[in-house]
Amino acid sequence: MKNLLLKLRILKDTRGQDLIEYALMAGFVAVAAGAIMPGVSVSISQIFSKVASVLSSANG
C-alpha cells in the first residue's frame, strides 16, 4: 500500500514542469532565430571570436 501511495505522489508532483517548459521554449526560439536570421548568427559568432581573441591576448 505504501508503495502505491509513493508512486501516486511521484506522478502528481509537477514542481519541475515549469522549468522544463521554459527551457524547451528558449531552445525553440534560439533554433528558430538561427534558421530565420542566418546573418545574425554569423555576426554573433564573429563577436564571440573577437572577444575570445582579446581575452587570450590579455591572458598571455
N, C-alpha and C. Protein backbone atom coordinates (compact mmCIF):
# COMPACT_ATOMS: atom_id res chain seq x y z
N MET A 1 0.82 -1.19 0.00
CA MET A 1 0.00 0.00 0.00
C MET A 1 0.87 1.27 0.00
N LYS A 2 1.95 1.26 0.81
CA LYS A 2 2.82 2.43 0.85
C LYS A 2 3.50 2.66 -0.50
N ASN A 3 3.84 1.56 -1.16
CA ASN A 3 4.49 1.67 -2.46
C ASN A 3 3.56 2.32 -3.48
N LEU A 4 2.29 1.96 -3.44
CA LEU A 4 1.31 2.54 -4.35
C LEU A 4 1.12 4.03 -4.06
N LEU A 5 1.06 4.41 -2.80
CA LEU A 5 0.92 5.82 -2.44
C LEU A 5 2.13 6.63 -2.88
N LEU A 6 3.32 6.05 -2.75
CA LEU A 6 4.54 6.74 -3.19
C LEU A 6 4.53 6.96 -4.69
N LYS A 7 4.09 5.96 -5.44
CA LYS A 7 4.01 6.10 -6.89
C LYS A 7 2.99 7.16 -7.28
N LEU A 8 1.87 7.23 -6.60
CA LEU A 8 0.87 8.24 -6.90
C LEU A 8 1.39 9.65 -6.60
N ARG A 9 2.15 9.80 -5.52
CA ARG A 9 2.72 11.12 -5.20
C ARG A 9 3.71 11.55 -6.25
N ILE A 10 4.53 10.63 -6.74
CA ILE A 10 5.52 10.97 -7.76
C ILE A 10 4.82 11.39 -9.05
N LEU A 11 3.75 10.72 -9.41
CA LEU A 11 3.03 11.06 -10.63
C LEU A 11 2.36 12.42 -10.53
N LYS A 12 1.95 12.81 -9.34
CA LYS A 12 1.26 14.09 -9.16
C LYS A 12 2.23 15.25 -8.95
N ASP A 13 3.51 14.98 -8.73
CA ASP A 13 4.49 16.02 -8.47
C ASP A 13 4.84 16.74 -9.77
N THR A 14 4.56 18.04 -9.83
CA THR A 14 4.81 18.82 -11.05
C THR A 14 5.70 20.03 -10.76
N ARG A 15 6.55 19.95 -9.75
CA ARG A 15 7.38 21.10 -9.38
C ARG A 15 8.37 21.49 -10.47
N GLY A 16 8.96 20.56 -11.18
CA GLY A 16 9.96 20.88 -12.18
C GLY A 16 9.40 21.08 -13.58
N GLN A 17 8.11 20.99 -13.71
CA GLN A 17 7.48 21.07 -15.03
C GLN A 17 7.67 22.44 -15.68
N ASP A 18 7.53 23.50 -14.92
CA ASP A 18 7.66 24.85 -15.49
C ASP A 18 9.05 25.10 -16.03
N LEU A 19 10.06 24.67 -15.30
CA LEU A 19 11.44 24.87 -15.73
C LEU A 19 11.71 24.15 -17.05
N ILE A 20 11.22 22.95 -17.19
CA ILE A 20 11.41 22.19 -18.42
C ILE A 20 10.69 22.87 -19.58
N GLU A 21 9.50 23.36 -19.34
CA GLU A 21 8.75 24.04 -20.40
C GLU A 21 9.47 25.31 -20.85
N TYR A 22 10.00 26.08 -19.91
CA TYR A 22 10.72 27.30 -20.28
C TYR A 22 12.00 26.97 -21.04
N ALA A 23 12.70 25.92 -20.64
CA ALA A 23 13.93 25.52 -21.34
C ALA A 23 13.62 25.07 -22.76
N LEU A 24 12.56 24.33 -22.94
CA LEU A 24 12.17 23.90 -24.29
C LEU A 24 11.78 25.09 -25.16
N MET A 25 11.06 26.03 -24.58
CA MET A 25 10.66 27.22 -25.33
C MET A 25 11.87 28.06 -25.72
N ALA A 26 12.83 28.24 -24.81
CA ALA A 26 14.03 29.00 -25.12
C ALA A 26 14.84 28.32 -26.22
N GLY A 27 14.93 27.00 -26.17
CA GLY A 27 15.63 26.27 -27.22
C GLY A 27 14.95 26.41 -28.56
N PHE A 28 13.64 26.36 -28.57
CA PHE A 28 12.89 26.51 -29.82
C PHE A 28 13.09 27.90 -30.40
N VAL A 29 13.06 28.92 -29.56
CA VAL A 29 13.24 30.29 -30.04
C VAL A 29 14.65 30.47 -30.60
N ALA A 30 15.64 29.88 -29.95
CA ALA A 30 17.02 30.00 -30.43
C ALA A 30 17.20 29.32 -31.78
N VAL A 31 16.63 28.15 -31.94
CA VAL A 31 16.73 27.44 -33.22
C VAL A 31 15.98 28.19 -34.32
N ALA A 32 14.81 28.69 -34.00
CA ALA A 32 14.03 29.43 -34.98
C ALA A 32 14.73 30.73 -35.39
N ALA A 33 15.32 31.43 -34.43
CA ALA A 33 16.02 32.67 -34.75
C ALA A 33 17.23 32.39 -35.63
N GLY A 34 17.95 31.31 -35.36
CA GLY A 34 19.10 30.95 -36.18
C GLY A 34 18.70 30.55 -37.58
N ALA A 35 17.54 29.92 -37.71
CA ALA A 35 17.08 29.49 -39.03
C ALA A 35 16.55 30.67 -39.85
N ILE A 36 15.89 31.60 -39.19
CA ILE A 36 15.28 32.72 -39.90
C ILE A 36 16.32 33.79 -40.22
N MET A 37 17.24 34.03 -39.32
CA MET A 37 18.22 35.11 -39.49
C MET A 37 19.64 34.56 -39.47
N PRO A 38 20.09 33.92 -40.53
CA PRO A 38 21.45 33.36 -40.50
C PRO A 38 22.53 34.43 -40.43
N GLY A 39 22.26 35.62 -40.93
CA GLY A 39 23.23 36.70 -40.85
C GLY A 39 23.52 37.11 -39.42
N VAL A 40 22.50 37.06 -38.59
CA VAL A 40 22.68 37.42 -37.18
C VAL A 40 23.55 36.39 -36.48
N SER A 41 23.35 35.12 -36.80
CA SER A 41 24.15 34.09 -36.15
C SER A 41 25.62 34.20 -36.55
N VAL A 42 25.87 34.61 -37.79
CA VAL A 42 27.26 34.79 -38.23
C VAL A 42 27.89 35.96 -37.50
N SER A 43 27.16 37.06 -37.36
CA SER A 43 27.74 38.22 -36.67
C SER A 43 27.95 37.94 -35.19
N ILE A 44 27.05 37.19 -34.57
CA ILE A 44 27.23 36.81 -33.17
C ILE A 44 28.47 35.93 -33.02
N SER A 45 28.67 35.03 -33.96
CA SER A 45 29.85 34.17 -33.92
C SER A 45 31.12 34.99 -34.06
N GLN A 46 31.11 36.00 -34.92
CA GLN A 46 32.28 36.86 -35.08
C GLN A 46 32.56 37.66 -33.81
N ILE A 47 31.53 38.13 -33.16
CA ILE A 47 31.70 38.88 -31.91
C ILE A 47 32.33 38.00 -30.85
N PHE A 48 31.83 36.75 -30.70
CA PHE A 48 32.41 35.85 -29.71
C PHE A 48 33.85 35.50 -30.05
N SER A 49 34.17 35.39 -31.32
CA SER A 49 35.55 35.10 -31.72
C SER A 49 36.47 36.26 -31.35
N LYS A 50 36.01 37.50 -31.59
CA LYS A 50 36.82 38.67 -31.22
C LYS A 50 37.03 38.75 -29.72
N VAL A 51 35.97 38.48 -28.96
CA VAL A 51 36.08 38.51 -27.50
C VAL A 51 37.06 37.44 -27.03
N ALA A 52 36.99 36.26 -27.62
CA ALA A 52 37.90 35.18 -27.22
C ALA A 52 39.34 35.53 -27.55
N SER A 53 39.59 36.17 -28.69
CA SER A 53 40.96 36.53 -29.04
C SER A 53 41.50 37.63 -28.12
N VAL A 54 40.65 38.59 -27.76
CA VAL A 54 41.07 39.64 -26.83
C VAL A 54 41.40 39.05 -25.47
N LEU A 55 40.55 38.13 -25.01
CA LEU A 55 40.79 37.52 -23.71
C LEU A 55 42.07 36.69 -23.71
N SER A 56 42.32 35.97 -24.80
CA SER A 56 43.53 35.14 -24.85
C SER A 56 44.79 36.00 -24.95
N SER A 57 44.72 37.13 -25.64
CA SER A 57 45.88 38.01 -25.70
C SER A 57 46.11 38.72 -24.37
N ALA A 58 45.04 39.02 -23.65
CA ALA A 58 45.18 39.66 -22.35
C ALA A 58 45.73 38.67 -21.32
N ASN A 59 45.43 37.40 -21.51
CA ASN A 59 45.89 36.37 -20.58
C ASN A 59 47.38 36.09 -20.76
N GLY A 60 47.86 36.18 -21.99
CA GLY A 60 49.26 35.80 -22.28
C GLY A 60 50.16 36.93 -22.21
